[in-house]
Amino acid sequence: MSSNPEYQKVLKIVSEWPPEERIALASEVLATVAPPPSRPPRRTLDRALGLARTNGPVPSDADVRQMIDEHRREKYGA
C-alpha cells in the first residue's frame, strides 16, 4: 500500500466499482507500465501451412503406407 493520499483516494473510489470495471482499469494501468506481449506474425503460420501444401490431391492412407514402405526400403535395403 502506498502512503500517497491520492492513491488511497483512488483505491477507495475504485473498490466500489463492479469487478469487470476494476479489471479493465487494472489492465489499462498495466499497459502504461509495460508493452503488451508480442505475438508471432500470422505469416509464420501461413508459411508453415504452405510447406505442407501440394499441387496434387491429398494421398490416401494406402498411398502413405506405400511411401513409408518405399522410404524404409531405400533406407534399410530390402
PDB file of N, CA and C in Angstrom:
ATOM      1  N   MET A   1       0.832  -1.180   0.000  1.00  0.00           N
ATOM      2  CA  MET A   1       0.000   0.000   0.000  1.00  0.00           C
ATOM      3  C   MET A   1       0.876   1.242   0.000  1.00  0.00           C
ATOM      4  N   SER A   2       0.405   2.211  -0.670  1.00  0.00           N
ATOM      5  CA  SER A   2       1.131   3.475  -0.753  1.00  0.00           C
ATOM      6  C   SER A   2       0.602   4.440   0.312  1.00  0.00           C
ATOM      7  N   SER A   3       1.501   5.298   0.755  1.00  0.00           N
ATOM      8  CA  SER A   3       1.078   6.324   1.719  1.00  0.00           C
ATOM      9  C   SER A   3       0.619   7.582   0.994  1.00  0.00           C
ATOM     10  N   ASN A   4       0.653   7.558  -0.317  1.00  0.00           N
ATOM     11  CA  ASN A   4       0.213   8.694  -1.134  1.00  0.00           C
ATOM     12  C   ASN A   4      -1.293   8.888  -0.931  1.00  0.00           C
ATOM     13  N   PRO A   5      -1.738  10.080  -0.515  1.00  0.00           N
ATOM     14  CA  PRO A   5      -3.172  10.309  -0.268  1.00  0.00           C
ATOM     15  C   PRO A   5      -4.023  10.148  -1.525  1.00  0.00           C
ATOM     16  N   GLU A   6      -3.477  10.541  -2.679  1.00  0.00           N
ATOM     17  CA  GLU A   6      -4.241  10.371  -3.924  1.00  0.00           C
ATOM     18  C   GLU A   6      -4.449   8.892  -4.237  1.00  0.00           C
ATOM     19  N   TYR A   7      -3.433   8.100  -3.997  1.00  0.00           N
ATOM     20  CA  TYR A   7      -3.514   6.655  -4.209  1.00  0.00           C
ATOM     21  C   TYR A   7      -4.647   6.079  -3.364  1.00  0.00           C
ATOM     22  N   GLN A   8      -4.679   6.445  -2.089  1.00  0.00           N
ATOM     23  CA  GLN A   8      -5.706   5.946  -1.187  1.00  0.00           C
ATOM     24  C   GLN A   8      -7.101   6.384  -1.638  1.00  0.00           C
ATOM     25  N   LYS A   9      -7.213   7.629  -2.096  1.00  0.00           N
ATOM     26  CA  LYS A   9      -8.496   8.162  -2.557  1.00  0.00           C
ATOM     27  C   LYS A   9      -8.984   7.389  -3.783  1.00  0.00           C
ATOM     28  N   VAL A  10      -8.080   7.163  -4.735  1.00  0.00           N
ATOM     29  CA  VAL A  10      -8.443   6.431  -5.964  1.00  0.00           C
ATOM     30  C   VAL A  10      -8.822   4.996  -5.611  1.00  0.00           C
ATOM     31  N   LEU A  11      -8.039   4.361  -4.754  1.00  0.00           N
ATOM     32  CA  LEU A  11      -8.324   2.985  -4.353  1.00  0.00           C
ATOM     33  C   LEU A  11      -9.703   2.868  -3.714  1.00  0.00           C
ATOM     34  N   LYS A  12     -10.056   3.832  -2.880  1.00  0.00           N
ATOM     35  CA  LYS A  12     -11.369   3.807  -2.221  1.00  0.00           C
ATOM     36  C   LYS A  12     -12.486   3.929  -3.248  1.00  0.00           C
ATOM     37  N   ILE A  13     -12.314   4.821  -4.227  1.00  0.00           N
ATOM     38  CA  ILE A  13     -13.340   5.011  -5.265  1.00  0.00           C
ATOM     39  C   ILE A  13     -13.473   3.753  -6.115  1.00  0.00           C
ATOM     40  N   VAL A  14     -12.327   3.236  -6.558  1.00  0.00           N
ATOM     41  CA  VAL A  14     -12.327   2.087  -7.471  1.00  0.00           C
ATOM     42  C   VAL A  14     -12.857   0.832  -6.787  1.00  0.00           C
ATOM     43  N   SER A  15     -12.617   0.693  -5.511  1.00  0.00           N
ATOM     44  CA  SER A  15     -13.066  -0.515  -4.801  1.00  0.00           C
ATOM     45  C   SER A  15     -14.587  -0.647  -4.793  1.00  0.00           C
ATOM     46  N   GLU A  16     -15.282   0.414  -5.095  1.00  0.00           N
ATOM     47  CA  GLU A  16     -16.745   0.371  -5.137  1.00  0.00           C
ATOM     48  C   GLU A  16     -17.273   0.011  -6.529  1.00  0.00           C
ATOM     49  N   TRP A  17     -16.403  -0.041  -7.522  1.00  0.00           N
ATOM     50  CA  TRP A  17     -16.813  -0.375  -8.893  1.00  0.00           C
ATOM     51  C   TRP A  17     -17.073  -1.869  -9.025  1.00  0.00           C
ATOM     52  N   PRO A  18     -17.842  -2.252 -10.049  1.00  0.00           N
ATOM     53  CA  PRO A  18     -18.049  -3.682 -10.325  1.00  0.00           C
ATOM     54  C   PRO A  18     -16.711  -4.338 -10.712  1.00  0.00           C
ATOM     55  N   PRO A  19     -16.567  -5.619 -10.452  1.00  0.00           N
ATOM     56  CA  PRO A  19     -15.307  -6.310 -10.741  1.00  0.00           C
ATOM     57  C   PRO A  19     -14.810  -6.140 -12.183  1.00  0.00           C
ATOM     58  N   GLU A  20     -15.729  -6.178 -13.159  1.00  0.00           N
ATOM     59  CA  GLU A  20     -15.315  -6.056 -14.564  1.00  0.00           C
ATOM     60  C   GLU A  20     -14.615  -4.723 -14.824  1.00  0.00           C
ATOM     61  N   GLU A  21     -15.148  -3.651 -14.232  1.00  0.00           N
ATOM     62  CA  GLU A  21     -14.556  -2.328 -14.429  1.00  0.00           C
ATOM     63  C   GLU A  21     -13.200  -2.218 -13.729  1.00  0.00           C
ATOM     64  N   ARG A  22     -13.079  -2.842 -12.561  1.00  0.00           N
ATOM     65  CA  ARG A  22     -11.790  -2.816 -11.853  1.00  0.00           C
ATOM     66  C   ARG A  22     -10.727  -3.573 -12.651  1.00  0.00           C
ATOM     67  N   ILE A  23     -11.108  -4.705 -13.217  1.00  0.00           N
ATOM     68  CA  ILE A  23     -10.171  -5.493 -14.029  1.00  0.00           C
ATOM     69  C   ILE A  23      -9.772  -4.719 -15.275  1.00  0.00           C
ATOM     70  N   ALA A  24     -10.739  -4.070 -15.922  1.00  0.00           N
ATOM     71  CA  ALA A  24     -10.436  -3.281 -17.117  1.00  0.00           C
ATOM     72  C   ALA A  24      -9.469  -2.145 -16.779  1.00  0.00           C
ATOM     73  N   LEU A  25      -9.700  -1.475 -15.662  1.00  0.00           N
ATOM     74  CA  LEU A  25      -8.810  -0.393 -15.249  1.00  0.00           C
ATOM     75  C   LEU A  25      -7.409  -0.926 -14.958  1.00  0.00           C
ATOM     76  N   ALA A  26      -7.341  -2.048 -14.250  1.00  0.00           N
ATOM     77  CA  ALA A  26      -6.036  -2.639 -13.938  1.00  0.00           C
ATOM     78  C   ALA A  26      -5.277  -2.988 -15.218  1.00  0.00           C
ATOM     79  N   SER A  27      -5.959  -3.506 -16.215  1.00  0.00           N
ATOM     80  CA  SER A  27      -5.323  -3.838 -17.495  1.00  0.00           C
ATOM     81  C   SER A  27      -4.769  -2.591 -18.161  1.00  0.00           C
ATOM     82  N   GLU A  28      -5.552  -1.526 -18.145  1.00  0.00           N
ATOM     83  CA  GLU A  28      -5.093  -0.284 -18.758  1.00  0.00           C
ATOM     84  C   GLU A  28      -3.907   0.316 -18.006  1.00  0.00           C
ATOM     85  N   VAL A  29      -3.924   0.219 -16.695  1.00  0.00           N
ATOM     86  CA  VAL A  29      -2.805   0.737 -15.912  1.00  0.00           C
ATOM     87  C   VAL A  29      -1.552  -0.084 -16.212  1.00  0.00           C
ATOM     88  N   LEU A  30      -1.675  -1.393 -16.267  1.00  0.00           N
ATOM     89  CA  LEU A  30      -0.529  -2.243 -16.578  1.00  0.00           C
ATOM     90  C   LEU A  30       0.017  -1.956 -17.977  1.00  0.00           C
ATOM     91  N   ALA A  31      -0.846  -1.642 -18.907  1.00  0.00           N
ATOM     92  CA  ALA A  31      -0.404  -1.335 -20.276  1.00  0.00           C
ATOM     93  C   ALA A  31       0.459  -0.084 -20.320  1.00  0.00           C
ATOM     94  N   THR A  32       0.282   0.815 -19.346  1.00  0.00           N
ATOM     95  CA  THR A  32       1.112   2.023 -19.324  1.00  0.00           C
ATOM     96  C   THR A  32       2.496   1.737 -18.759  1.00  0.00           C
ATOM     97  N   VAL A  33       2.664   0.587 -18.099  1.00  0.00           N
ATOM     98  CA  VAL A  33       3.937   0.235 -17.486  1.00  0.00           C
ATOM     99  C   VAL A  33       4.796  -0.607 -18.422  1.00  0.00           C
ATOM    100  N   ALA A  34       4.196  -1.562 -19.103  1.00  0.00           N
ATOM    101  CA  ALA A  34       4.940  -2.461 -19.986  1.00  0.00           C
ATOM    102  C   ALA A  34       4.150  -2.661 -21.276  1.00  0.00           C
ATOM    103  N   PRO A  35       4.861  -2.808 -22.385  1.00  0.00           N
ATOM    104  CA  PRO A  35       4.148  -3.062 -23.640  1.00  0.00           C
ATOM    105  C   PRO A  35       3.499  -4.442 -23.606  1.00  0.00           C
ATOM    106  N   PRO A  36       2.437  -4.626 -24.361  1.00  0.00           N
ATOM    107  CA  PRO A  36       1.787  -5.941 -24.382  1.00  0.00           C
ATOM    108  C   PRO A  36       2.742  -6.978 -24.979  1.00  0.00           C
ATOM    109  N   PRO A  37       2.596  -8.246 -24.587  1.00  0.00           N
ATOM    110  CA  PRO A  37       3.489  -9.271 -25.131  1.00  0.00           C
ATOM    111  C   PRO A  37       3.313  -9.378 -26.644  1.00  0.00           C
ATOM    112  N   SER A  38       4.418  -9.580 -27.316  1.00  0.00           N
ATOM    113  CA  SER A  38       4.342  -9.670 -28.780  1.00  0.00           C
ATOM    114  C   SER A  38       3.929 -11.069 -29.194  1.00  0.00           C
ATOM    115  N   ARG A  39       3.221 -11.148 -30.284  1.00  0.00           N
ATOM    116  CA  ARG A  39       2.799 -12.428 -30.849  1.00  0.00           C
ATOM    117  C   ARG A  39       3.529 -12.615 -32.164  1.00  0.00           C
ATOM    118  N   PRO A  40       3.821 -13.860 -32.507  1.00  0.00           N
ATOM    119  CA  PRO A  40       4.472 -14.059 -33.805  1.00  0.00           C
ATOM    120  C   PRO A  40       3.533 -13.627 -34.922  1.00  0.00           C
ATOM    121  N   PRO A  41       4.073 -13.071 -35.984  1.00  0.00           N
ATOM    122  CA  PRO A  41       3.207 -12.639 -37.068  1.00  0.00           C
ATOM    123  C   PRO A  41       2.448 -13.801 -37.692  1.00  0.00           C
ATOM    124  N   ARG A  42       1.285 -13.506 -38.169  1.00  0.00           N
ATOM    125  CA  ARG A  42       0.417 -14.522 -38.776  1.00  0.00           C
ATOM    126  C   ARG A  42       1.108 -15.184 -39.972  1.00  0.00           C
ATOM    127  N   ARG A  43       1.969 -14.449 -40.638  1.00  0.00           N
ATOM    128  CA  ARG A  43       2.589 -15.006 -41.840  1.00  0.00           C
ATOM    129  C   ARG A  43       3.434 -16.228 -41.519  1.00  0.00           C
ATOM    130  N   THR A  44       3.881 -16.392 -40.280  1.00  0.00           N
ATOM    131  CA  THR A  44       4.643 -17.583 -39.899  1.00  0.00           C
ATOM    132  C   THR A  44       3.774 -18.822 -40.055  1.00  0.00           C
ATOM    133  N   LEU A  45       2.541 -18.748 -39.603  1.00  0.00           N
ATOM    134  CA  LEU A  45       1.617 -19.867 -39.759  1.00  0.00           C
ATOM    135  C   LEU A  45       1.326 -20.101 -41.234  1.00  0.00           C
ATOM    136  N   ASP A  46       1.131 -19.023 -41.994  1.00  0.00           N
ATOM    137  CA  ASP A  46       0.866 -19.168 -43.421  1.00  0.00           C
ATOM    138  C   ASP A  46       2.019 -19.873 -44.122  1.00  0.00           C
ATOM    139  N   ARG A  47       3.266 -19.534 -43.742  1.00  0.00           N
ATOM    140  CA  ARG A  47       4.431 -20.198 -44.345  1.00  0.00           C
ATOM    141  C   ARG A  47       4.457 -21.671 -43.992  1.00  0.00           C
ATOM    142  N   ALA A  48       4.183 -21.983 -42.725  1.00  0.00           N
ATOM    143  CA  ALA A  48       4.200 -23.377 -42.293  1.00  0.00           C
ATOM    144  C   ALA A  48       3.143 -24.188 -43.030  1.00  0.00           C
ATOM    145  N   LEU A  49       1.975 -23.620 -43.195  1.00  0.00           N
ATOM    146  CA  LEU A  49       0.927 -24.328 -43.929  1.00  0.00           C
ATOM    147  C   LEU A  49       1.314 -24.482 -45.396  1.00  0.00           C
ATOM    148  N   GLY A  50       2.007 -23.500 -45.930  1.00  0.00           N
ATOM    149  CA  GLY A  50       2.442 -23.566 -47.317  1.00  0.00           C
ATOM    150  C   GLY A  50       3.442 -24.673 -47.560  1.00  0.00           C
ATOM    151  N   LEU A  51       4.247 -25.002 -46.562  1.00  0.00           N
ATOM    152  CA  LEU A  51       5.209 -26.086 -46.720  1.00  0.00           C
ATOM    153  C   LEU A  51       4.512 -27.426 -46.910  1.00  0.00           C
ATOM    154  N   ALA A  52       3.365 -27.599 -46.308  1.00  0.00           N
ATOM    155  CA  ALA A  52       2.641 -28.856 -46.397  1.00  0.00           C
ATOM    156  C   ALA A  52       1.726 -28.915 -47.623  1.00  0.00           C
ATOM    157  N   ARG A  53       1.544 -27.804 -48.298  1.00  0.00           N
ATOM    158  CA  ARG A  53       0.640 -27.728 -49.428  1.00  0.00           C
ATOM    159  C   ARG A  53       1.271 -28.368 -50.664  1.00  0.00           C
ATOM    160  N   THR A  54       0.477 -29.092 -51.434  1.00  0.00           N
ATOM    161  CA  THR A  54       0.950 -29.695 -52.682  1.00  0.00           C
ATOM    162  C   THR A  54       0.029 -29.278 -53.818  1.00  0.00           C
ATOM    163  N   ASN A  55       0.490 -29.519 -55.050  1.00  0.00           N
ATOM    164  CA  ASN A  55      -0.342 -29.217 -56.205  1.00  0.00           C
ATOM    165  C   ASN A  55      -1.290 -30.365 -56.528  1.00  0.00           C
ATOM    166  N   GLY A  56      -0.970 -31.546 -56.009  1.00  0.00           N
ATOM    167  CA  GLY A  56      -1.786 -32.723 -56.311  1.00  0.00           C
ATOM    168  C   GLY A  56      -2.816 -32.992 -55.243  1.00  0.00           C
ATOM    169  N   PRO A  57      -3.548 -34.079 -55.441  1.00  0.00           N
ATOM    170  CA  PRO A  57      -4.563 -34.453 -54.449  1.00  0.00           C
ATOM    171  C   PRO A  57      -3.900 -34.976 -53.171  1.00  0.00           C
ATOM    172  N   VAL A  58      -4.638 -34.982 -52.097  1.00  0.00           N
ATOM    173  CA  VAL A  58      -4.150 -35.494 -50.822  1.00  0.00           C
ATOM    174  C   VAL A  58      -3.979 -37.002 -50.956  1.00  0.00           C
ATOM    175  N   PRO A  59      -2.822 -37.548 -50.519  1.00  0.00           N
ATOM    176  CA  PRO A  59      -2.627 -39.003 -50.651  1.00  0.00           C
ATOM    177  C   PRO A  59      -3.557 -39.774 -49.720  1.00  0.00           C
ATOM    178  N   SER A  60      -3.948 -40.940 -50.186  1.00  0.00           N
ATOM    179  CA  SER A  60      -4.798 -41.811 -49.372  1.00  0.00           C
ATOM    180  C   SER A  60      -3.937 -42.515 -48.333  1.00  0.00           C
ATOM    181  N   ASP A  61      -4.574 -43.204 -47.404  1.00  0.00           N
ATOM    182  CA  ASP A  61      -3.835 -43.963 -46.399  1.00  0.00           C
ATOM    183  C   ASP A  61      -2.946 -45.011 -47.062  1.00  0.00           C
ATOM    184  N   ALA A  62      -3.475 -45.665 -48.089  1.00  0.00           N
ATOM    185  CA  ALA A  62      -2.699 -46.681 -48.805  1.00  0.00           C
ATOM    186  C   ALA A  62      -1.486 -46.051 -49.476  1.00  0.00           C
ATOM    187  N   ASP A  63      -1.663 -44.877 -50.070  1.00  0.00           N
ATOM    188  CA  ASP A  63      -0.533 -44.176 -50.701  1.00  0.00           C
ATOM    189  C   ASP A  63       0.543 -43.844 -49.670  1.00  0.00           C
ATOM    190  N   VAL A  64       0.131 -43.379 -48.504  1.00  0.00           N
ATOM    191  CA  VAL A  64       1.085 -43.018 -47.456  1.00  0.00           C
ATOM    192  C   VAL A  64       1.838 -44.255 -46.986  1.00  0.00           C
ATOM    193  N   ARG A  65       1.116 -45.373 -46.786  1.00  0.00           N
ATOM    194  CA  ARG A  65       1.781 -46.608 -46.379  1.00  0.00           C
ATOM    195  C   ARG A  65       2.814 -47.037 -47.417  1.00  0.00           C
ATOM    196  N   GLN A  66       2.459 -46.904 -48.704  1.00  0.00           N
ATOM    197  CA  GLN A  66       3.384 -47.271 -49.774  1.00  0.00           C
ATOM    198  C   GLN A  66       4.622 -46.367 -49.747  1.00  0.00           C
ATOM    199  N   MET A  67       4.420 -45.044 -49.540  1.00  0.00           N
ATOM    200  CA  MET A  67       5.558 -44.120 -49.476  1.00  0.00           C
ATOM    201  C   MET A  67       6.478 -44.472 -48.305  1.00  0.00           C
ATOM    202  N   ILE A  68       5.876 -44.827 -47.173  1.00  0.00           N
ATOM    203  CA  ILE A  68       6.671 -45.189 -45.994  1.00  0.00           C
ATOM    204  C   ILE A  68       7.458 -46.464 -46.284  1.00  0.00           C
ATOM    205  N   ASP A  69       6.795 -47.463 -46.885  1.00  0.00           N
ATOM    206  CA  ASP A  69       7.485 -48.707 -47.233  1.00  0.00           C
ATOM    207  C   ASP A  69       8.642 -48.438 -48.191  1.00  0.00           C
ATOM    208  N   GLU A  70       8.422 -47.605 -49.205  1.00  0.00           N
ATOM    209  CA  GLU A  70       9.485 -47.281 -50.167  1.00  0.00           C
ATOM    210  C   GLU A  70      10.652 -46.584 -49.458  1.00  0.00           C
ATOM    211  N   HIS A  71      10.332 -45.679 -48.568  1.00  0.00           N
ATOM    212  CA  HIS A  71      11.382 -44.974 -47.823  1.00  0.00           C
ATOM    213  C   HIS A  71      12.192 -45.951 -46.980  1.00  0.00           C
ATOM    214  N   ARG A  72      11.509 -46.880 -46.319  1.00  0.00           N
ATOM    215  CA  ARG A  72      12.224 -47.874 -45.485  1.00  0.00           C
ATOM    216  C   ARG A  72      13.109 -48.779 -46.342  1.00  0.00           C
ATOM    217  N   ARG A  73      12.603 -49.165 -47.528  1.00  0.00           N
ATOM    218  CA  ARG A  73      13.425 -49.999 -48.425  1.00  0.00           C
ATOM    219  C   ARG A  73      14.679 -49.252 -48.857  1.00  0.00           C
ATOM    220  N   GLU A  74      14.520 -47.942 -49.170  1.00  0.00           N
ATOM    221  CA  GLU A  74      15.680 -47.137 -49.561  1.00  0.00           C
ATOM    222  C   GLU A  74      16.663 -46.982 -48.400  1.00  0.00           C
ATOM    223  N   LYS A  75      16.124 -46.782 -47.224  1.00  0.00           N
ATOM    224  CA  LYS A  75      16.980 -46.516 -46.071  1.00  0.00           C
ATOM    225  C   LYS A  75      17.669 -47.789 -45.564  1.00  0.00           C
ATOM    226  N   TYR A  76      16.912 -48.878 -45.458  1.00  0.00           N
ATOM    227  CA  TYR A  76      17.451 -50.088 -44.857  1.00  0.00           C
ATOM    228  C   TYR A  76      17.769 -51.180 -45.870  1.00  0.00           C
ATOM    229  N   GLY A  77      17.335 -50.987 -47.096  1.00  0.00           N
ATOM    230  CA  GLY A  77      17.547 -52.006 -48.132  1.00  0.00           C
ATOM    231  C   GLY A  77      16.650 -53.202 -47.891  1.00  0.00           C
ATOM    232  N   ALA A  78      16.161 -53.747 -48.963  1.00  0.00           N
ATOM    233  CA  ALA A  78      15.324 -54.951 -48.816  1.00  0.00           C
ATOM    234  C   ALA A  78      14.942 -55.456 -50.176  1.00  0.00           C
TER     235      ALA A  78
END
